[in-house]
């Protein structure tokens, strides 16, 4: 494995993405996943927790159309959801969980 590169927390800007995971200063706990953009709440956390630096063995990714296309490819790979019943709907073949619980409780008492 490559050695870590140290990045000052003050250098992290919203929208930055890296080619490898970014870790907190302990080198064990992940701060940002590979290819994911830093958001405002990430930067806020760094300030709030007084994190002096981050570590990565990757490099900063450029904001190119290729990167955007790669993100969109992940979305295309997702499978569509089958029809899902809303919480109010119930299949006739399924018993109501509440009634099962109450019946069990009545048998115990």
C-alpha atoms as a PDB file:
ATOM      1  CA  UNK A   1       0.000   0.000   0.000  1.00  0.00           C
ATOM      2  CA  UNK A   2       1.211   3.509  -0.757  1.00  0.00           C
ATOM      3  CA  UNK A   3       2.131   5.854   2.028  1.00  0.00           C
ATOM      4  CA  UNK A   4      -0.356   8.433   3.197  1.00  0.00           C
ATOM      5  CA  UNK A   5      -0.408  12.028   2.018  1.00  0.00           C
ATOM      6  CA  UNK A   6      -1.179  14.603   4.695  1.00  0.00           C
ATOM      7  CA  UNK A   7      -3.793  17.265   3.840  1.00  0.00           C
ATOM      8  CA  UNK A   8      -4.394  20.252   6.106  1.00  0.00           C
ATOM      9  CA  UNK A   9      -8.057  20.399   7.094  1.00  0.00           C
ATOM     10  CA  UNK A  10      -8.129  24.086   6.191  1.00  0.00           C
ATOM     11  CA  UNK A  11      -7.358  23.111   2.571  1.00  0.00           C
ATOM     12  CA  UNK A  12     -10.486  20.963   2.219  1.00  0.00           C
ATOM     13  CA  UNK A  13     -13.094  22.799   0.168  1.00  0.00           C
ATOM     14  CA  UNK A  14     -16.661  21.928  -0.712  1.00  0.00           C
ATOM     15  CA  UNK A  15     -16.817  19.747  -3.837  1.00  0.00           C
ATOM     16  CA  UNK A  16     -13.297  18.283  -3.519  1.00  0.00           C
ATOM     17  CA  UNK A  17     -13.072  14.605  -4.446  1.00  0.00           C
ATOM     18  CA  UNK A  18     -10.190  12.163  -4.077  1.00  0.00           C
ATOM     19  CA  UNK A  19      -9.127   9.042  -5.950  1.00  0.00           C
ATOM     20  CA  UNK A  20      -8.898   7.047  -2.703  1.00  0.00           C
ATOM     21  CA  UNK A  21     -10.632   7.207   0.674  1.00  0.00           C
ATOM     22  CA  UNK A  22      -9.699  10.116   2.949  1.00  0.00           C
ATOM     23  CA  UNK A  23      -9.094   9.286   6.608  1.00  0.00           C
ATOM     24  CA  UNK A  24      -9.089  11.289   9.816  1.00  0.00           C
ATOM     25  CA  UNK A  25      -5.729  12.053  11.398  1.00  0.00           C
ATOM     26  CA  UNK A  26      -5.678   8.622  13.090  1.00  0.00           C
ATOM     27  CA  UNK A  27      -5.333   6.940   9.677  1.00  0.00           C
ATOM     28  CA  UNK A  28      -8.042   4.394  10.562  1.00  0.00           C
ATOM     29  CA  UNK A  29     -11.416   6.128  10.562  1.00  0.00           C
ATOM     30  CA  UNK A  30     -12.702   7.192   7.145  1.00  0.00           C
ATOM     31  CA  UNK A  31     -13.699  10.806   6.628  1.00  0.00           C
ATOM     32  CA  UNK A  32     -14.697  10.657   2.960  1.00  0.00           C
ATOM     33  CA  UNK A  33     -15.180   7.719   0.590  1.00  0.00           C
ATOM     34  CA  UNK A  34     -13.310   7.423  -2.686  1.00  0.00           C
ATOM     35  CA  UNK A  35     -14.767   9.686  -5.358  1.00  0.00           C
ATOM     36  CA  UNK A  36     -17.330  11.316  -3.052  1.00  0.00           C
ATOM     37  CA  UNK A  37     -17.467  15.111  -2.918  1.00  0.00           C
ATOM     38  CA  UNK A  38     -16.828  16.949   0.350  1.00  0.00           C
ATOM     39  CA  UNK A  39     -20.006  18.686   1.491  1.00  0.00           C
ATOM     40  CA  UNK A  40     -20.504  21.671   3.750  1.00  0.00           C
ATOM     41  CA  UNK A  41     -21.254  19.416   6.721  1.00  0.00           C
ATOM     42  CA  UNK A  42     -17.905  17.619   6.242  1.00  0.00           C
ATOM     43  CA  UNK A  43     -16.052  20.921   6.507  1.00  0.00           C
ATOM     44  CA  UNK A  44     -18.150  21.969   9.496  1.00  0.00           C
ATOM     45  CA  UNK A  45     -17.263  18.706  11.268  1.00  0.00           C
ATOM     46  CA  UNK A  46     -13.543  19.264  10.696  1.00  0.00           C
ATOM     47  CA  UNK A  47     -13.799  22.688  12.328  1.00  0.00           C
ATOM     48  CA  UNK A  48     -16.076  21.572  15.163  1.00  0.00           C
ATOM     49  CA  UNK A  49     -13.846  18.619  16.059  1.00  0.00           C
ATOM     50  CA  UNK A  50     -10.613  20.612  15.554  1.00  0.00           C
ATOM     51  CA  UNK A  51      -9.142  18.022  13.171  1.00  0.00           C
ATOM     52  CA  UNK A  52      -5.717  19.395  12.134  1.00  0.00           C
ATOM     53  CA  UNK A  53      -5.194  17.221   9.054  1.00  0.00           C
ATOM     54  CA  UNK A  54      -6.544  14.336   6.995  1.00  0.00           C
ATOM     55  CA  UNK A  55      -4.761  11.424   5.317  1.00  0.00           C
ATOM     56  CA  UNK A  56      -5.159   9.784   1.918  1.00  0.00           C
ATOM     57  CA  UNK A  57      -3.078   7.633  -0.393  1.00  0.00           C
ATOM     58  CA  UNK A  58      -4.960   9.018  -3.396  1.00  0.00           C
ATOM     59  CA  UNK A  59      -4.918  12.332  -5.205  1.00  0.00           C
ATOM     60  CA  UNK A  60      -7.325  15.177  -5.800  1.00  0.00           C
ATOM     61  CA  UNK A  61      -9.669  14.459  -8.704  1.00  0.00           C
ATOM     62  CA  UNK A  62     -10.286  17.220 -11.202  1.00  0.00           C
ATOM     63  CA  UNK A  63     -13.803  18.463 -11.765  1.00  0.00           C
ATOM     64  CA  UNK A  64     -14.129  17.163 -15.316  1.00  0.00           C
ATOM     65  CA  UNK A  65     -17.072  15.957 -17.319  1.00  0.00           C
ATOM     66  CA  UNK A  66     -15.555  12.454 -17.061  1.00  0.00           C
ATOM     67  CA  UNK A  67     -15.967  12.562 -13.294  1.00  0.00           C
ATOM     68  CA  UNK A  68     -19.593  13.666 -13.598  1.00  0.00           C
ATOM     69  CA  UNK A  69     -20.208  10.938 -16.178  1.00  0.00           C
ATOM     70  CA  UNK A  70     -18.729   8.345 -13.806  1.00  0.00           C
ATOM     71  CA  UNK A  71     -21.109   9.469 -11.040  1.00  0.00           C
ATOM     72  CA  UNK A  72     -24.058   9.218 -13.412  1.00  0.00           C
ATOM     73  CA  UNK A  73     -22.962   5.714 -14.407  1.00  0.00           C
ATOM     74  CA  UNK A  74     -23.416   4.566 -10.802  1.00  0.00           C
ATOM     75  CA  UNK A  75     -26.994   5.839 -10.881  1.00  0.00           C
ATOM     76  CA  UNK A  76     -27.617   3.939 -14.131  1.00  0.00           C
ATOM     77  CA  UNK A  77     -26.384   0.730 -12.456  1.00  0.00           C
ATOM     78  CA  UNK A  78     -29.119   0.858  -9.803  1.00  0.00           C
ATOM     79  CA  UNK A  79     -31.993  -1.544 -10.250  1.00  0.00           C
ATOM     80  CA  UNK A  80     -35.528  -0.154 -10.228  1.00  0.00           C
ATOM     81  CA  UNK A  81     -37.703  -0.895  -7.206  1.00  0.00           C
ATOM     82  CA  UNK A  82     -40.566  -3.328  -7.572  1.00  0.00           C
ATOM     83  CA  UNK A  83     -43.984  -2.036  -6.642  1.00  0.00           C
ATOM     84  CA  UNK A  84     -43.988  -1.374  -2.939  1.00  0.00           C
ATOM     85  CA  UNK A  85     -47.138  -1.216  -0.878  1.00  0.00           C
ATOM     86  CA  UNK A  86     -47.641   1.959   1.087  1.00  0.00           C
ATOM     87  CA  UNK A  87     -47.735   1.523   4.871  1.00  0.00           C
ATOM     88  CA  UNK A  88     -51.543   1.835   4.856  1.00  0.00           C
ATOM     89  CA  UNK A  89     -52.019  -0.986   2.353  1.00  0.00           C
ATOM     90  CA  UNK A  90     -51.869  -4.586   3.481  1.00  0.00           C
ATOM     91  CA  UNK A  91     -51.790  -7.820   1.565  1.00  0.00           C
ATOM     92  CA  UNK A  92     -54.727 -10.096   2.505  1.00  0.00           C
ATOM     93  CA  UNK A  93     -52.355 -13.050   2.955  1.00  0.00           C
ATOM     94  CA  UNK A  94     -50.382 -11.208   5.633  1.00  0.00           C
ATOM     95  CA  UNK A  95     -51.554 -11.067   9.217  1.00  0.00           C
ATOM     96  CA  UNK A  96     -51.524  -7.835  11.139  1.00  0.00           C
ATOM     97  CA  UNK A  97     -48.405  -7.881  13.341  1.00  0.00           C
ATOM     98  CA  UNK A  98     -50.200  -6.018  16.106  1.00  0.00           C
ATOM     99  CA  UNK A  99     -52.966  -8.636  16.316  1.00  0.00           C
ATOM    100  CA  UNK A 100     -50.389 -11.445  16.420  1.00  0.00           C
ATOM    101  CA  UNK A 101     -48.574  -9.679  19.277  1.00  0.00           C
ATOM    102  CA  UNK A 102     -51.787  -9.087  21.217  1.00  0.00           C
ATOM    103  CA  UNK A 103     -52.878 -12.714  20.746  1.00  0.00           C
ATOM    104  CA  UNK A 104     -49.507 -13.957  22.034  1.00  0.00           C
ATOM    105  CA  UNK A 105     -49.670 -11.593  24.980  1.00  0.00           C
ATOM    106  CA  UNK A 106     -53.183 -12.845  25.833  1.00  0.00           C
ATOM    107  CA  UNK A 107     -51.970 -16.473  25.804  1.00  0.00           C
ATOM    108  CA  UNK A 108     -49.135 -15.624  28.191  1.00  0.00           C
ATOM    109  CA  UNK A 109     -51.371 -13.842  30.699  1.00  0.00           C
END
